[in-house]
Amino acid sequence: MPKDPLDLGYYAQPALLILASLASGPKHGYALSQDIAAFSGTRLEPGTLYGAIARLERRGLIEPLPPHERRRPYRLTPDGLRVLREQLATMERIVTTGLGRLAPGTPPALPEGTSQ
């Protein structure tokens, strides 16, 4: 049975960061690393970065472009763009819900069947 393309697996955060970086255009590994650090504050070690790149490529979410000056750039595929949009929409719902629940004057929700 094929894996769910939305399931980015245990290493979801690096994969999502790479997809988000590539949304602004093709990049090689070092440029990905620099961009990710700039927009997220996360520094991916080379093993983590290139391991996630390999997994994303195997799943057809990114693809390599011809090498340029000894560097291989990657770009999003249409499936990669779809997965990124769906992942970000899910994250937006989580953030909106979480921030709404942290709003001043809003008591924390109790589990169903419990009372104060």
N, C-alpha and C. Protein backbone atom coordinates (compact mmCIF):
# COMPACT_ATOMS: atom_id res chain seq x y z
N MET A 1 0.84 -1.17 0.00
CA MET A 1 0.00 0.00 0.00
C MET A 1 0.90 1.25 0.00
N PRO A 2 0.66 2.21 -0.92
CA PRO A 2 1.49 3.40 -0.96
C PRO A 2 1.29 4.27 0.28
N LYS A 3 2.34 4.94 0.67
CA LYS A 3 2.26 5.83 1.82
C LYS A 3 1.39 7.03 1.50
N ASP A 4 0.74 7.55 2.52
CA ASP A 4 -0.04 8.77 2.39
C ASP A 4 0.93 9.92 2.12
N PRO A 5 0.80 10.64 1.01
CA PRO A 5 1.75 11.72 0.71
C PRO A 5 1.74 12.83 1.75
N LEU A 6 0.64 12.95 2.50
CA LEU A 6 0.59 13.98 3.52
C LEU A 6 1.33 13.57 4.78
N ASP A 7 1.63 12.29 4.93
CA ASP A 7 2.37 11.80 6.08
C ASP A 7 3.85 11.96 5.78
N LEU A 8 4.45 13.01 6.32
CA LEU A 8 5.85 13.28 6.06
C LEU A 8 6.76 12.49 6.99
N GLY A 9 6.17 11.68 7.86
CA GLY A 9 6.94 10.78 8.69
C GLY A 9 7.56 11.43 9.91
N TYR A 10 8.42 10.66 10.55
CA TYR A 10 9.07 11.08 11.79
C TYR A 10 9.84 12.38 11.61
N TYR A 11 10.42 12.56 10.46
CA TYR A 11 11.22 13.76 10.19
C TYR A 11 10.39 14.82 9.48
N ALA A 12 9.16 15.02 9.93
CA ALA A 12 8.25 15.93 9.26
C ALA A 12 8.74 17.37 9.29
N GLN A 13 9.30 17.82 10.41
CA GLN A 13 9.71 19.22 10.48
C GLN A 13 10.76 19.57 9.43
N PRO A 14 11.87 18.82 9.31
CA PRO A 14 12.83 19.18 8.25
C PRO A 14 12.19 19.13 6.86
N ALA A 15 11.36 18.14 6.60
CA ALA A 15 10.72 18.03 5.29
C ALA A 15 9.84 19.24 5.02
N LEU A 16 9.06 19.65 6.00
CA LEU A 16 8.18 20.80 5.83
C LEU A 16 8.99 22.08 5.63
N LEU A 17 10.09 22.23 6.37
CA LEU A 17 10.94 23.40 6.19
C LEU A 17 11.55 23.45 4.79
N ILE A 18 11.96 22.30 4.28
CA ILE A 18 12.53 22.24 2.92
C ILE A 18 11.47 22.59 1.89
N LEU A 19 10.28 22.02 2.03
CA LEU A 19 9.20 22.34 1.08
C LEU A 19 8.88 23.82 1.12
N ALA A 20 8.81 24.41 2.32
CA ALA A 20 8.50 25.83 2.45
C ALA A 20 9.61 26.68 1.80
N SER A 21 10.85 26.28 1.98
CA SER A 21 11.95 27.02 1.37
C SER A 21 11.88 26.96 -0.15
N LEU A 22 11.61 25.77 -0.68
CA LEU A 22 11.56 25.61 -2.14
C LEU A 22 10.34 26.29 -2.76
N ALA A 23 9.36 26.68 -1.95
CA ALA A 23 8.19 27.38 -2.49
C ALA A 23 8.58 28.72 -3.10
N SER A 24 9.72 29.28 -2.69
CA SER A 24 10.15 30.56 -3.27
C SER A 24 11.07 30.37 -4.47
N GLY A 25 11.34 29.11 -4.84
CA GLY A 25 12.16 28.85 -6.01
C GLY A 25 13.20 27.78 -5.74
N PRO A 26 13.82 27.26 -6.81
CA PRO A 26 14.82 26.20 -6.66
C PRO A 26 16.02 26.66 -5.83
N LYS A 27 16.58 25.71 -5.06
CA LYS A 27 17.76 25.99 -4.25
C LYS A 27 18.58 24.72 -4.12
N HIS A 28 19.89 24.89 -3.93
CA HIS A 28 20.76 23.77 -3.62
C HIS A 28 20.84 23.65 -2.09
N GLY A 29 21.50 22.61 -1.61
CA GLY A 29 21.52 22.30 -0.19
C GLY A 29 21.95 23.44 0.71
N TYR A 30 23.07 24.08 0.38
CA TYR A 30 23.55 25.16 1.24
C TYR A 30 22.56 26.33 1.26
N ALA A 31 22.01 26.68 0.10
CA ALA A 31 21.03 27.77 0.04
C ALA A 31 19.78 27.41 0.83
N LEU A 32 19.36 26.14 0.77
CA LEU A 32 18.22 25.68 1.57
C LEU A 32 18.51 25.88 3.05
N SER A 33 19.68 25.44 3.47
CA SER A 33 20.07 25.55 4.87
C SER A 33 20.04 27.00 5.34
N GLN A 34 20.59 27.90 4.54
CA GLN A 34 20.64 29.32 4.89
C GLN A 34 19.23 29.93 4.94
N ASP A 35 18.40 29.61 3.96
CA ASP A 35 17.04 30.14 3.91
C ASP A 35 16.22 29.64 5.09
N ILE A 36 16.32 28.35 5.38
CA ILE A 36 15.57 27.77 6.50
C ILE A 36 15.97 28.43 7.82
N ALA A 37 17.27 28.62 8.01
CA ALA A 37 17.74 29.29 9.24
C ALA A 37 17.19 30.71 9.32
N ALA A 38 17.15 31.41 8.19
CA ALA A 38 16.68 32.80 8.17
C ALA A 38 15.19 32.91 8.50
N PHE A 39 14.35 32.03 7.92
CA PHE A 39 12.91 32.21 8.14
C PHE A 39 12.37 31.45 9.34
N SER A 40 13.12 30.45 9.85
CA SER A 40 12.57 29.67 10.96
C SER A 40 13.44 29.66 12.21
N GLY A 41 14.70 30.08 12.07
CA GLY A 41 15.60 30.02 13.20
C GLY A 41 16.12 28.61 13.46
N THR A 42 15.82 27.68 12.57
CA THR A 42 16.24 26.29 12.71
C THR A 42 17.45 26.02 11.84
N ARG A 43 18.47 25.47 12.44
CA ARG A 43 19.67 25.08 11.68
C ARG A 43 19.64 23.57 11.50
N LEU A 44 19.53 23.13 10.26
CA LEU A 44 19.53 21.70 9.96
C LEU A 44 20.96 21.23 9.75
N GLU A 45 21.35 20.18 10.46
CA GLU A 45 22.66 19.58 10.24
C GLU A 45 22.67 18.96 8.84
N PRO A 46 23.83 18.86 8.20
CA PRO A 46 23.89 18.31 6.83
C PRO A 46 23.23 16.93 6.70
N GLY A 47 23.44 16.05 7.66
CA GLY A 47 22.83 14.72 7.57
C GLY A 47 21.32 14.78 7.60
N THR A 48 20.77 15.65 8.44
CA THR A 48 19.32 15.82 8.51
C THR A 48 18.79 16.42 7.23
N LEU A 49 19.47 17.47 6.75
CA LEU A 49 19.04 18.15 5.52
C LEU A 49 19.04 17.20 4.33
N TYR A 50 20.17 16.54 4.11
CA TYR A 50 20.28 15.71 2.91
C TYR A 50 19.47 14.41 3.04
N GLY A 51 19.28 13.92 4.26
CA GLY A 51 18.40 12.77 4.46
C GLY A 51 16.96 13.13 4.11
N ALA A 52 16.51 14.31 4.55
CA ALA A 52 15.15 14.77 4.24
C ALA A 52 15.00 15.03 2.74
N ILE A 53 16.02 15.61 2.12
CA ILE A 53 15.98 15.84 0.67
C ILE A 53 15.80 14.51 -0.06
N ALA A 54 16.57 13.50 0.34
CA ALA A 54 16.47 12.18 -0.31
C ALA A 54 15.08 11.59 -0.14
N ARG A 55 14.50 11.70 1.05
CA ARG A 55 13.15 11.16 1.27
C ARG A 55 12.12 11.92 0.44
N LEU A 56 12.22 13.24 0.39
CA LEU A 56 11.28 14.03 -0.40
C LEU A 56 11.40 13.71 -1.89
N GLU A 57 12.61 13.51 -2.34
CA GLU A 57 12.82 13.16 -3.75
C GLU A 57 12.23 11.78 -4.05
N ARG A 58 12.47 10.80 -3.18
CA ARG A 58 11.90 9.45 -3.39
C ARG A 58 10.38 9.48 -3.45
N ARG A 59 9.77 10.37 -2.68
CA ARG A 59 8.31 10.46 -2.64
C ARG A 59 7.75 11.33 -3.76
N GLY A 60 8.62 11.90 -4.57
CA GLY A 60 8.17 12.70 -5.70
C GLY A 60 7.69 14.09 -5.32
N LEU A 61 8.10 14.59 -4.14
CA LEU A 61 7.65 15.90 -3.70
C LEU A 61 8.62 17.01 -4.11
N ILE A 62 9.87 16.63 -4.38
CA ILE A 62 10.85 17.56 -4.95
C ILE A 62 11.59 16.80 -6.05
N GLU A 63 12.25 17.56 -6.91
CA GLU A 63 13.05 16.92 -7.97
C GLU A 63 14.33 17.70 -8.18
N PRO A 64 15.39 16.97 -8.53
CA PRO A 64 16.66 17.65 -8.78
C PRO A 64 16.66 18.31 -10.15
N LEU A 65 17.38 19.39 -10.25
CA LEU A 65 17.61 20.06 -11.52
C LEU A 65 19.04 19.74 -11.95
N PRO A 66 19.40 20.05 -13.17
CA PRO A 66 20.79 19.80 -13.58
C PRO A 66 21.77 20.54 -12.67
N PRO A 67 22.91 19.93 -12.39
CA PRO A 67 23.90 20.58 -11.52
C PRO A 67 24.35 21.92 -12.10
N HIS A 68 24.67 22.84 -11.21
CA HIS A 68 25.18 24.15 -11.59
C HIS A 68 26.39 24.45 -10.71
N GLU A 69 27.56 24.55 -11.32
CA GLU A 69 28.80 24.82 -10.60
C GLU A 69 28.98 23.88 -9.41
N ARG A 70 28.90 22.60 -9.65
CA ARG A 70 29.09 21.53 -8.67
C ARG A 70 28.00 21.46 -7.62
N ARG A 71 26.93 22.19 -7.77
CA ARG A 71 25.83 22.15 -6.81
C ARG A 71 24.58 21.68 -7.53
N ARG A 72 23.79 20.88 -6.82
CA ARG A 72 22.56 20.36 -7.41
C ARG A 72 21.36 21.07 -6.77
N PRO A 73 20.69 21.91 -7.55
CA PRO A 73 19.47 22.54 -7.01
C PRO A 73 18.28 21.58 -7.09
N TYR A 74 17.29 21.87 -6.25
CA TYR A 74 16.05 21.10 -6.21
C TYR A 74 14.88 22.07 -6.36
N ARG A 75 13.77 21.53 -6.84
CA ARG A 75 12.55 22.34 -6.91
C ARG A 75 11.36 21.49 -6.48
N LEU A 76 10.30 22.19 -6.12
CA LEU A 76 9.05 21.51 -5.76
C LEU A 76 8.43 20.89 -7.00
N THR A 77 7.79 19.75 -6.82
CA THR A 77 6.96 19.18 -7.87
C THR A 77 5.52 19.65 -7.61
N PRO A 78 4.61 19.44 -8.55
CA PRO A 78 3.21 19.77 -8.27
C PRO A 78 2.68 19.04 -7.03
N ASP A 79 3.06 17.77 -6.84
CA ASP A 79 2.64 17.05 -5.63
C ASP A 79 3.24 17.69 -4.38
N GLY A 80 4.48 18.13 -4.47
CA GLY A 80 5.12 18.79 -3.34
C GLY A 80 4.42 20.08 -2.96
N LEU A 81 4.00 20.83 -3.94
CA LEU A 81 3.27 22.07 -3.69
C LEU A 81 1.92 21.77 -3.03
N ARG A 82 1.25 20.72 -3.51
CA ARG A 82 -0.05 20.34 -2.92
C ARG A 82 0.12 19.92 -1.47
N VAL A 83 1.12 19.09 -1.20
CA VAL A 83 1.37 18.63 0.17
C VAL A 83 1.72 19.81 1.07
N LEU A 84 2.56 20.72 0.59
CA LEU A 84 2.91 21.89 1.38
C LEU A 84 1.67 22.71 1.72
N ARG A 85 0.83 22.96 0.74
CA ARG A 85 -0.40 23.74 1.00
C ARG A 85 -1.27 23.06 2.04
N GLU A 86 -1.44 21.75 1.93
CA GLU A 86 -2.29 21.02 2.87
C GLU A 86 -1.68 20.99 4.27
N GLN A 87 -0.38 20.81 4.36
CA GLN A 87 0.29 20.82 5.67
C GLN A 87 0.18 22.19 6.32
N LEU A 88 0.38 23.25 5.55
CA LEU A 88 0.30 24.60 6.11
C LEU A 88 -1.13 24.95 6.52
N ALA A 89 -2.12 24.48 5.77
CA ALA A 89 -3.51 24.72 6.15
C ALA A 89 -3.82 24.04 7.49
N THR A 90 -3.31 22.83 7.67
CA THR A 90 -3.50 22.13 8.94
C THR A 90 -2.82 22.89 10.07
N MET A 91 -1.60 23.33 9.83
CA MET A 91 -0.88 24.09 10.85
C MET A 91 -1.60 25.39 11.19
N GLU A 92 -2.17 26.04 10.18
CA GLU A 92 -2.90 27.28 10.42
C GLU A 92 -4.10 27.03 11.33
N ARG A 93 -4.82 25.93 11.10
CA ARG A 93 -5.95 25.59 11.98
C ARG A 93 -5.48 25.35 13.41
N ILE A 94 -4.36 24.65 13.56
CA ILE A 94 -3.83 24.37 14.90
C ILE A 94 -3.44 25.68 15.59
N VAL A 95 -2.73 26.56 14.87
CA VAL A 95 -2.30 27.82 15.45
C VAL A 95 -3.49 28.68 15.82
N THR A 96 -4.46 28.79 14.93
CA THR A 96 -5.64 29.60 15.20
C THR A 96 -6.39 29.08 16.43
N THR A 97 -6.56 27.78 16.50
CA THR A 97 -7.25 27.19 17.64
C THR A 97 -6.45 27.41 18.93
N GLY A 98 -5.15 27.14 18.87
CA GLY A 98 -4.32 27.30 20.06
C GLY A 98 -4.29 28.73 20.55
N LEU A 99 -4.11 29.68 19.65
CA LEU A 99 -4.08 31.09 20.06
C LEU A 99 -5.44 31.53 20.60
N GLY A 100 -6.51 31.04 20.00
CA GLY A 100 -7.84 31.36 20.50
C GLY A 100 -8.06 30.83 21.90
N ARG A 101 -7.51 29.69 22.17
CA ARG A 101 -7.66 29.09 23.49
C ARG A 101 -6.77 29.76 24.53
N LEU A 102 -5.75 30.47 24.08
CA LEU A 102 -4.88 31.21 24.99
C LEU A 102 -5.34 32.64 25.22
N ALA A 103 -6.41 33.04 24.52
CA ALA A 103 -6.90 34.41 24.62
C ALA A 103 -7.24 34.74 26.08
N PRO A 104 -6.94 35.98 26.51
CA PRO A 104 -7.27 36.38 27.88
C PRO A 104 -8.76 36.24 28.15
N GLY A 105 -9.08 35.76 29.34
CA GLY A 105 -10.47 35.62 29.73
C GLY A 105 -11.12 34.35 29.25
N THR A 106 -10.41 33.53 28.51
CA THR A 106 -10.97 32.28 28.02
C THR A 106 -10.48 31.15 28.93
N PRO A 107 -11.38 30.57 29.71
CA PRO A 107 -10.93 29.48 30.58
C PRO A 107 -10.55 28.26 29.76
N PRO A 108 -9.58 27.49 30.25
CA PRO A 108 -9.20 26.28 29.51
C PRO A 108 -10.37 25.31 29.44
N ALA A 109 -10.48 24.63 28.32
CA ALA A 109 -11.54 23.65 28.15
C ALA A 109 -11.25 22.43 29.02
N LEU A 110 -12.27 21.90 29.63
CA LEU A 110 -12.14 20.67 30.42
C LEU A 110 -12.52 19.48 29.55
N PRO A 111 -11.92 18.33 29.80
CA PRO A 111 -12.30 17.14 29.03
C PRO A 111 -13.79 16.85 29.23
N GLU A 112 -14.39 16.31 28.19
CA GLU A 112 -15.82 15.98 28.25
C GLU A 112 -16.09 15.05 29.42
N GLY A 113 -17.21 15.30 30.11
CA GLY A 113 -17.61 14.44 31.22
C GLY A 113 -16.99 14.85 32.54
N THR A 114 -16.24 15.95 32.56
CA THR A 114 -15.66 16.41 33.83
C THR A 114 -16.27 17.75 34.19
N SER A 115 -16.23 18.11 35.45
CA SER A 115 -16.76 19.40 35.86
C SER A 115 -15.75 20.07 36.78
N GLN A 116 -15.95 21.37 37.01
CA GLN A 116 -15.02 22.14 37.87
C GLN A 116 -15.34 21.94 39.31
